[in-house]
Amino acid sequence: MATKKVAKKAKKPVKPVVKKKAKPAAGKKIKPVAKKAERFVCRVCGLLVTVDPACSCDYVHEFVCCDKLMKKK
């Protein structure tokens, strides 16, 4: 009885691995300092509002609570 031979699949060529050069240590890296958020507090009821530093407004923030202007904390 004749047996069938299975044809082997051709393997894909492997790309050569390129090693990246290590960067020399240049001392300590400086971490970026996050800006502090502006916080406003109501002197009557104690409500606290935080304005995100990513706010790109060109004007000064003014918040009103309890019919009075909130002050920066």
Protein backbone atom coordinates (compact mmCIF):
# COMPACT_ATOMS: atom_id res chain seq x y z
CA MET A 1 0.00 0.00 0.00
CA ALA A 2 1.33 3.48 -0.86
CA THR A 3 1.51 6.15 1.84
CA LYS A 4 1.16 9.87 1.20
CA LYS A 5 4.00 12.11 2.26
CA VAL A 6 3.13 15.43 3.80
CA ALA A 7 5.01 18.32 2.23
CA LYS A 8 6.82 20.50 4.76
CA LYS A 9 5.87 24.17 4.78
CA ALA A 10 8.63 26.64 4.08
CA LYS A 11 9.62 28.67 7.14
CA LYS A 12 9.56 32.43 6.95
CA PRO A 13 13.00 34.02 6.97
CA VAL A 14 13.94 35.45 10.36
CA LYS A 15 14.90 39.13 10.46
CA PRO A 16 18.25 39.83 12.08
CA VAL A 17 17.96 41.33 15.55
CA VAL A 18 19.46 44.80 15.85
CA LYS A 19 20.58 45.62 19.37
CA LYS A 20 19.97 49.17 20.53
CA LYS A 21 22.85 51.05 22.07
CA ALA A 22 22.45 51.80 25.75
CA LYS A 23 22.35 55.48 26.59
CA PRO A 24 24.96 56.55 29.12
CA ALA A 25 23.60 57.58 32.51
CA ALA A 26 23.67 61.35 32.75
CA GLY A 27 23.04 61.60 36.46
CA LYS A 28 19.60 61.84 37.97
CA LYS A 29 16.65 62.51 35.74
CA ILE A 30 14.53 65.48 36.68
CA LYS A 31 10.85 64.69 37.06
CA PRO A 32 8.42 67.30 35.75
CA VAL A 33 6.74 69.16 38.58
CA ALA A 34 2.96 69.09 38.46
CA LYS A 35 1.29 72.45 38.80
CA LYS A 36 -0.87 72.91 41.85
CA ALA A 37 -4.59 73.21 41.32
CA GLU A 38 -6.27 76.42 42.44
CA ARG A 39 -8.60 75.88 45.37
CA PHE A 40 -11.42 78.21 46.35
CA VAL A 41 -13.37 77.99 49.60
CA CYS A 42 -16.67 79.51 50.69
CA ARG A 43 -16.25 81.30 54.03
CA VAL A 44 -19.96 80.80 54.85
CA CYS A 45 -20.74 77.12 54.16
CA GLY A 46 -17.23 75.70 53.63
CA LEU A 47 -17.75 74.50 50.03
CA LEU A 48 -14.40 73.78 48.35
CA VAL A 49 -13.91 74.17 44.57
CA THR A 50 -10.76 72.91 42.84
CA VAL A 51 -9.79 74.27 39.41
CA ASP A 52 -7.71 71.84 37.35
CA PRO A 53 -4.31 73.23 36.29
CA ALA A 54 -5.01 72.00 32.75
CA CYS A 55 -7.66 74.71 32.46
CA SER A 56 -6.64 76.96 29.58
CA CYS A 57 -8.81 79.94 30.51
CA ASP A 58 -7.28 83.36 30.01
CA TYR A 59 -9.43 85.03 32.63
CA VAL A 60 -9.34 84.97 36.42
CA HIS A 61 -11.70 82.44 37.98
CA GLU A 62 -14.36 83.94 40.22
CA PHE A 63 -16.86 81.72 41.96
CA VAL A 64 -19.90 82.85 43.93
CA CYS A 65 -21.41 80.79 46.74
CA CYS A 66 -23.90 81.90 49.41
CA ASP A 67 -24.13 85.30 47.61
CA LYS A 68 -20.44 85.98 48.39
CA LEU A 69 -17.29 85.71 46.29
CA MET A 70 -15.23 82.59 47.09
CA LYS A 71 -11.63 83.23 48.16
CA LYS A 72 -8.49 81.29 47.31
CA LYS A 73 -7.46 78.88 50.01
